[in-house]
Amino acid sequence: MWQDSASYTTSSSQNTYYERGNQPNVPLQFYDQSSFYPGSRSSLEGNVGAQGSIVQSAAPGYTGSIQPAGRWWTAFGTGGFEGEPPLLEELGINLSHIGAKSMTVLNPFRRVDERIMDDADLAGPLIFCFCFATFLLFSGKPQFGYIYGLALLGSVSLYCLLNLMSEQGIDAYRVLSVLGYCLLPMVGVGALSVIITLDGMLGYMLSSLSIVWCTYAASGIFVAVLRMSDQRLLVAYPVGLLYGCFALLSVFNSTGLPVQ
């Protein structure tokens, strides 16, 4: 009897299959893959729409715009990122502060603000020292090591001396910054050494003028920052000796060979 029931079930299923196969214009049905693969990422695989087209769904959570490619100098800016500070600011280079301090040195008779060195930096002093050494190199005096060594030794000496003379005190970073900025008139003398020979009366006069200029500007800044106006001559004496050594490097050749 169970054989009759089994044959009846088989025949009925076959009849149903053939009946479905004879139906005309039945569209092809697709299985829902999400029911078989619950861990599938529909946002990446896309959704199947009408006529078999695949519609990609946008991934949520990502906003912003891609900036188009610009010139080569756009690599030094941060215009493509919102809220990003400029590159020079991240490097600690403030061009407006450098310009203000340079104008204070170039006009030493102007009243010096006592808070001018609150934002002490070494960007300007390093630029001025490098320019001074480069100008001397072009004039036949390669003295990079002497310039940087003399600047370091003089800064350490003045740092110790100023802290002994003043009650307020000053750090070595600001001492080096003031001495570097006040080297600007000496940089002008170094630029003139490329054109003319300073080993003569004109060179001696220009070098003496630059020594006085640098000393007056540096002593004025130190006195204003440390509030020791009655001791300006005592501050100016060691500062003048330091800039006198820089003037000797710009006038004479350290190798002892005559400059052509």
Protein backbone atom coordinates (compact mmCIF):
# COMPACT_ATOMS: atom_id res chain seq x y z
CA MET A 1 0.00 0.00 0.00
CA TRP A 2 2.83 2.38 0.80
CA GLN A 3 4.15 1.75 -2.68
CA ASP A 4 0.85 2.97 -4.17
CA SER A 5 0.98 6.15 -2.06
CA ALA A 6 4.60 6.80 -3.06
CA SER A 7 3.81 6.39 -6.75
CA TYR A 8 0.81 8.68 -6.39
CA THR A 9 2.95 11.37 -4.77
CA THR A 10 5.58 11.10 -7.49
CA SER A 11 3.07 11.29 -10.30
CA SER A 12 1.31 14.27 -8.74
CA SER A 13 4.60 16.21 -8.32
CA GLN A 14 5.60 15.46 -11.90
CA ASN A 15 2.24 16.64 -13.17
CA THR A 16 2.58 19.86 -11.21
CA TYR A 17 6.10 20.46 -12.62
CA TYR A 18 4.96 19.90 -16.21
CA GLU A 19 1.94 22.10 -15.67
CA ARG A 20 4.19 24.96 -14.47
CA GLY A 21 6.62 24.44 -17.31
CA ASN A 22 3.87 24.85 -19.92
CA GLN A 23 2.83 28.29 -18.65
CA PRO A 24 3.84 30.91 -21.25
CA ASN A 25 5.47 34.36 -20.58
CA VAL A 26 6.32 33.72 -16.95
CA PRO A 27 9.17 36.05 -15.90
CA LEU A 28 12.26 34.58 -14.33
CA GLN A 29 12.19 34.90 -10.57
CA PHE A 30 15.31 35.58 -8.48
CA TYR A 31 15.88 34.38 -4.98
CA ASP A 32 16.43 36.96 -2.24
CA GLN A 33 20.08 36.47 -1.37
CA SER A 34 19.72 38.28 1.92
CA SER A 35 17.66 35.37 3.26
CA PHE A 36 20.48 32.93 2.43
CA TYR A 37 23.40 35.24 3.28
CA PRO A 38 22.36 37.38 6.22
CA GLY A 39 25.85 38.83 6.56
CA SER A 40 26.06 40.18 3.02
CA ARG A 41 26.76 43.90 2.55
CA SER A 42 23.95 45.26 0.43
CA SER A 43 25.54 48.70 0.37
CA LEU A 44 28.50 47.37 -1.58
CA GLU A 45 26.81 44.71 -3.72
CA GLY A 46 23.91 46.92 -4.84
CA ASN A 47 20.23 46.23 -5.25
CA VAL A 48 18.60 44.56 -8.23
CA GLY A 49 15.97 46.83 -9.76
CA ALA A 50 13.58 46.53 -12.65
CA GLN A 51 14.76 45.04 -15.97
CA GLY A 52 17.70 43.40 -14.17
CA SER A 53 19.59 46.72 -13.58
CA ILE A 54 21.82 46.99 -10.54
CA VAL A 55 21.38 50.13 -8.43
CA GLN A 56 24.33 50.98 -6.19
CA SER A 57 23.41 52.34 -2.79
CA ALA A 58 25.51 55.13 -1.31
CA ALA A 59 27.51 54.28 1.79
CA PRO A 60 26.34 56.47 4.69
CA GLY A 61 28.63 58.32 7.07
CA TYR A 62 31.09 59.85 4.55
CA THR A 63 30.72 63.53 3.72
CA GLY A 64 32.98 66.20 2.20
CA SER A 65 34.24 67.14 -1.19
CA ILE A 66 37.39 66.29 -3.10
CA GLN A 67 39.32 69.34 -4.19
CA PRO A 68 40.49 69.42 -7.80
CA ALA A 69 44.18 69.27 -8.54
CA GLY A 70 45.82 72.70 -8.66
CA ARG A 71 49.24 74.19 -9.19
CA TRP A 72 52.40 72.93 -7.52
CA TRP A 73 52.35 75.65 -4.86
CA THR A 74 49.02 74.39 -3.50
CA ALA A 75 51.00 71.63 -1.78
CA PHE A 76 52.27 74.24 0.71
CA GLY A 77 48.75 75.33 1.70
CA THR A 78 45.81 73.75 3.50
CA GLY A 79 42.95 75.25 1.54
CA GLY A 80 41.43 71.85 0.79
CA PHE A 81 40.81 70.92 4.43
CA GLU A 82 38.24 72.64 6.60
CA GLY A 83 39.52 73.90 9.95
CA GLU A 84 43.14 73.08 9.11
CA PRO A 85 45.64 75.82 10.13
CA PRO A 86 48.11 77.13 7.53
CA LEU A 87 51.34 75.24 7.02
CA LEU A 88 53.54 78.13 8.16
CA GLU A 89 51.57 78.38 11.39
CA GLU A 90 52.10 74.68 12.09
CA LEU A 91 55.85 75.19 11.55
CA GLY A 92 55.90 78.12 13.98
CA ILE A 93 56.62 80.74 11.29
CA ASN A 94 54.59 83.94 11.61
CA LEU A 95 55.48 86.30 8.79
CA SER A 96 53.68 89.27 10.35
CA HIS A 97 55.66 88.94 13.59
CA ILE A 98 58.90 88.58 11.66
CA GLY A 99 58.13 91.74 9.73
CA ALA A 100 57.24 93.68 12.89
CA LYS A 101 60.47 92.70 14.65
CA SER A 102 62.53 93.46 11.57
CA MET A 103 61.00 96.94 11.35
CA THR A 104 61.83 97.49 15.01
CA VAL A 105 65.47 96.72 14.27
CA LEU A 106 65.56 98.87 11.13
CA ASN A 107 64.06 101.81 13.06
CA PRO A 108 65.85 101.70 16.42
CA PHE A 109 64.74 105.23 17.42
CA ARG A 110 61.13 104.09 17.66
CA ARG A 111 59.84 103.16 21.09
CA VAL A 112 60.25 99.43 21.70
CA ASP A 113 57.29 97.49 23.05
CA GLU A 114 58.26 95.53 26.14
CA ARG A 115 56.08 92.61 25.02
CA ILE A 116 57.67 92.31 21.59
CA MET A 117 59.52 89.14 22.58
CA ASP A 118 56.54 87.33 24.09
CA ASP A 119 56.39 85.39 20.83
CA ALA A 120 60.09 84.68 20.45
CA ASP A 121 60.95 82.62 17.40
CA LEU A 122 64.08 81.47 15.59
CA ALA A 123 62.74 81.53 12.05
CA GLY A 124 63.87 85.09 11.39
CA PRO A 125 67.30 84.75 13.08
CA LEU A 126 68.08 81.56 11.16
CA ILE A 127 67.11 83.21 7.89
CA PHE A 128 69.27 86.26 8.63
CA CYS A 129 72.28 84.16 9.67
CA PHE A 130 71.98 82.02 6.57
CA CYS A 131 71.70 85.09 4.32
CA PHE A 132 74.72 86.68 6.00
CA ALA A 133 76.82 83.55 5.54
CA THR A 134 75.62 83.19 1.93
CA PHE A 135 76.59 86.76 1.06
CA LEU A 136 80.03 86.23 2.56
CA LEU A 137 80.35 83.04 0.53
CA PHE A 138 79.59 84.92 -2.67
CA SER A 139 82.25 87.48 -1.75
CA GLY A 140 84.89 84.75 -1.34
CA LYS A 141 84.66 84.26 2.45
CA PRO A 142 83.18 80.82 3.24
CA GLN A 143 82.62 81.24 6.98
CA PHE A 144 79.47 79.31 7.82
CA GLY A 145 81.05 77.52 10.76
CA TYR A 146 82.49 80.71 12.27
CA ILE A 147 79.15 82.51 12.03
CA TYR A 148 77.05 79.79 13.66
CA GLY A 149 79.72 79.04 16.27
CA LEU A 150 80.12 82.71 17.18
CA ALA A 151 76.35 83.16 17.39
CA LEU A 152 76.01 80.19 19.74
CA LEU A 153 78.93 81.22 21.97
CA GLY A 154 77.81 84.84 22.13
CA SER A 155 74.22 83.90 22.95
CA VAL A 156 75.27 81.66 25.83
CA SER A 157 77.60 84.34 27.22
CA LEU A 158 74.96 87.08 27.03
CA TYR A 159 72.37 84.76 28.52
CA CYS A 160 74.51 84.27 31.62
CA LEU A 161 75.40 87.98 31.83
CA LEU A 162 71.83 89.28 31.46
CA ASN A 163 70.48 86.89 34.09
CA LEU A 164 73.15 88.13 36.51
CA MET A 165 72.37 91.78 35.80
CA SER A 166 68.56 91.69 35.85
CA GLU A 167 66.08 90.72 38.52
CA GLN A 168 63.44 89.46 36.10
CA GLY A 169 65.66 87.12 34.09
CA ILE A 170 65.41 85.95 30.48
CA ASP A 171 65.63 82.57 28.79
CA ALA A 172 68.26 81.59 26.23
CA TYR A 173 65.63 81.23 23.49
CA ARG A 174 64.74 84.94 23.65
CA VAL A 175 68.38 85.99 23.86
CA LEU A 176 69.16 84.10 20.68
CA SER A 177 66.06 85.53 19.00
CA VAL A 178 66.96 89.16 19.83
CA LEU A 179 70.59 88.79 18.73
CA GLY A 180 69.52 87.12 15.50
CA TYR A 181 66.98 89.78 14.57
CA CYS A 182 69.41 92.60 15.36
CA LEU A 183 71.92 91.04 12.95
CA LEU A 184 69.87 92.47 10.07
CA PRO A 185 72.06 95.59 9.47
CA MET A 186 75.10 93.32 9.34
CA VAL A 187 73.36 91.28 6.64
CA GLY A 188 73.17 94.46 4.56
CA VAL A 189 76.92 94.94 4.95
CA GLY A 190 77.45 91.35 3.87
CA ALA A 191 75.35 92.01 0.77
CA LEU A 192 77.52 95.03 -0.06
CA SER A 193 80.64 92.88 0.28
CA VAL A 194 79.53 90.98 -2.82
CA ILE A 195 79.69 94.20 -4.86
CA ILE A 196 82.57 96.12 -3.27
CA THR A 197 85.64 95.22 -1.23
CA LEU A 198 85.22 96.04 2.44
CA ASP A 199 88.95 95.90 3.20
CA GLY A 200 89.32 99.65 2.86
CA MET A 201 88.20 102.95 4.34
CA LEU A 202 84.65 102.63 2.98
CA GLY A 203 84.36 99.09 4.32
CA TYR A 204 85.62 100.14 7.75
CA MET A 205 83.07 102.95 7.94
CA LEU A 206 80.19 100.73 6.86
CA SER A 207 81.21 98.00 9.29
CA SER A 208 81.48 100.48 12.19
CA LEU A 209 78.06 101.91 11.33
CA SER A 210 76.52 98.42 11.29
CA ILE A 211 78.10 97.60 14.67
CA VAL A 212 76.60 100.72 16.24
CA TRP A 213 73.23 100.05 14.59
CA CYS A 214 73.03 96.41 15.73
CA THR A 215 74.24 97.25 19.24
CA TYR A 216 71.77 100.10 19.70
CA ALA A 217 68.82 98.00 18.51
CA ALA A 218 69.71 94.91 20.57
CA SER A 219 70.44 96.84 23.76
CA GLY A 220 67.13 98.74 23.38
CA ILE A 221 65.16 95.51 23.09
CA PHE A 222 66.95 93.89 26.05
CA VAL A 223 66.40 96.96 28.21
CA ALA A 224 62.71 97.17 27.26
CA VAL A 225 62.07 93.47 27.88
CA LEU A 226 64.02 93.27 31.15
CA ARG A 227 63.03 96.77 32.38
CA MET A 228 66.58 97.85 33.18
CA SER A 229 66.79 101.26 31.50
CA ASP A 230 69.55 102.51 33.83
CA GLN A 231 71.90 99.75 32.68
CA ARG A 232 71.74 100.19 28.92
CA LEU A 233 75.43 101.02 28.52
CA LEU A 234 76.40 97.94 30.52
CA VAL A 235 74.23 95.83 28.24
CA ALA A 236 75.48 97.52 25.06
CA TYR A 237 79.18 96.85 25.78
CA PRO A 238 79.17 93.00 25.46
CA VAL A 239 76.59 93.17 22.68
CA GLY A 240 78.87 95.55 20.73
CA LEU A 241 81.80 93.17 21.16
CA LEU A 242 79.74 90.33 19.70
CA TYR A 243 78.66 92.29 16.64
CA GLY A 244 82.22 93.56 16.25
CA CYS A 245 83.31 89.96 15.74
CA PHE A 246 80.67 89.55 13.02
CA ALA A 247 81.97 92.71 11.36
CA LEU A 248 85.52 91.33 11.37
CA LEU A 249 84.26 88.22 9.59
CA SER A 250 82.62 90.36 6.93
CA VAL A 251 85.67 92.57 6.32
CA PHE A 252 88.60 90.18 6.54
CA ASN A 253 89.16 86.70 5.15
CA SER A 254 89.66 84.04 7.80
CA THR A 255 91.86 81.92 5.51
CA GLY A 256 94.48 84.66 5.18
CA LEU A 257 94.35 84.57 1.37
CA PRO A 258 93.64 87.81 -0.50
CA VAL A 259 90.15 88.12 -1.95
CA GLN A 260 90.18 88.65 -5.68
